[in-house]
Amino acid sequence: MYEFRIAETRSFEKVKKNIDRKLYGKIVDIVYPQLRSNPFYGSNIKKLKGKFEGYYRYRIGNYRLFYLVEEEKILVVVVDFRHRQQAYG
């Protein structure tokens, strides 16, 4: 089984500066390893529909991490991170 690589977009890099260190630590230590092994399925993973078609979200408490999967490149592209109240607007 191959392992997906993780790439963070420039827009995510900007958002990342405002994320609490402890929360970003969870993303790196818990979320990224799961996305590397299987970005499609998991208890906190959901494929989005409608205008967000093609995107996935990973639920981290009251926050959502949004990403795309480029299967042919074996790559997970982390796009955004938001509080759930602002996530889908």
Protein backbone atom coordinates (compact mmCIF):
# COMPACT_ATOMS: atom_id res chain seq x y z
CA MET A 1 0.00 0.00 0.00
CA TYR A 2 1.37 3.40 -0.94
CA GLU A 3 1.36 6.44 1.31
CA PHE A 4 -0.09 9.80 0.27
CA ARG A 5 2.03 12.92 0.56
CA ILE A 6 0.61 16.04 2.26
CA ALA A 7 0.81 19.47 0.62
CA GLU A 8 -0.44 22.69 2.18
CA THR A 9 -1.69 25.50 -0.09
CA ARG A 10 -0.55 29.09 0.36
CA SER A 11 -4.01 30.04 1.61
CA PHE A 12 -3.76 27.31 4.26
CA GLU A 13 -0.27 28.54 5.20
CA LYS A 14 -1.81 31.94 6.03
CA VAL A 15 -4.63 30.37 8.08
CA LYS A 16 -2.13 28.10 9.84
CA LYS A 17 -0.46 31.11 11.49
CA ASN A 18 -3.68 31.73 13.47
CA ILE A 19 -4.24 28.12 14.55
CA ASP A 20 -3.52 27.34 18.19
CA ARG A 21 -0.23 25.41 18.49
CA LYS A 22 -1.86 22.56 20.39
CA LEU A 23 -4.55 22.22 17.72
CA TYR A 24 -2.02 22.32 14.88
CA GLY A 25 -0.05 19.66 16.78
CA LYS A 26 -3.14 17.43 16.61
CA ILE A 27 -3.38 18.04 12.87
CA VAL A 28 0.26 17.03 12.34
CA ASP A 29 0.34 14.12 14.80
CA ILE A 30 -3.13 12.60 14.34
CA VAL A 31 -4.85 13.89 11.19
CA TYR A 32 -1.94 13.89 8.72
CA PRO A 33 -0.92 10.27 9.46
CA GLN A 34 -4.52 9.16 8.86
CA LEU A 35 -4.73 11.15 5.62
CA ARG A 36 -1.41 9.66 4.47
CA SER A 37 -2.72 6.13 4.88
CA ASN A 38 -6.31 6.64 3.65
CA PRO A 39 -7.70 10.12 2.89
CA PHE A 40 -11.05 8.75 1.66
CA TYR A 41 -12.50 6.94 4.68
CA GLY A 42 -12.60 7.42 8.42
CA SER A 43 -14.95 8.35 11.23
CA ASN A 44 -14.10 12.06 10.89
CA ILE A 45 -13.86 12.17 7.08
CA LYS A 46 -16.71 13.22 4.84
CA LYS A 47 -16.85 13.76 1.08
CA LEU A 48 -18.57 17.05 0.37
CA LYS A 49 -21.35 17.68 -2.17
CA GLY A 50 -22.87 20.59 -4.07
CA LYS A 51 -20.62 23.58 -4.64
CA PHE A 52 -17.89 21.83 -2.62
CA GLU A 53 -17.95 18.72 -4.85
CA GLY A 54 -14.55 17.03 -4.95
CA TYR A 55 -13.48 18.31 -1.54
CA TYR A 56 -13.26 16.33 1.67
CA ARG A 57 -13.45 17.56 5.23
CA TYR A 58 -11.88 16.20 8.37
CA ARG A 59 -13.73 17.04 11.59
CA ILE A 60 -11.53 18.09 14.52
CA GLY A 61 -13.93 19.03 17.33
CA ASN A 62 -15.62 22.29 16.32
CA TYR A 63 -13.17 22.81 13.44
CA ARG A 64 -13.04 21.50 9.89
CA LEU A 65 -9.94 20.79 7.80
CA PHE A 66 -10.71 20.89 4.06
CA TYR A 67 -8.65 19.05 1.48
CA LEU A 68 -8.53 17.65 -2.05
CA VAL A 69 -7.13 14.28 -3.07
CA GLU A 70 -5.06 13.98 -6.24
CA GLU A 71 -5.00 10.21 -6.62
CA GLU A 72 -2.77 10.12 -9.71
CA LYS A 73 -0.10 12.11 -7.83
CA ILE A 74 -0.69 10.26 -4.52
CA LEU A 75 -1.18 13.67 -2.92
CA VAL A 76 -3.49 15.24 -0.34
CA VAL A 77 -3.76 19.01 -0.78
CA VAL A 78 -4.80 20.79 2.43
CA VAL A 79 -6.83 23.82 1.38
CA ASP A 80 -8.46 25.43 4.43
CA PHE A 81 -9.19 25.18 8.15
CA ARG A 82 -12.19 26.87 9.76
CA HIS A 83 -14.52 26.82 12.74
CA ARG A 84 -17.62 24.85 11.81
CA GLN A 85 -19.86 27.95 12.06
CA GLN A 86 -17.87 29.68 9.29
CA ALA A 87 -16.97 26.56 7.35
CA TYR A 88 -19.70 26.23 4.76
CA GLY A 89 -20.79 29.83 4.09
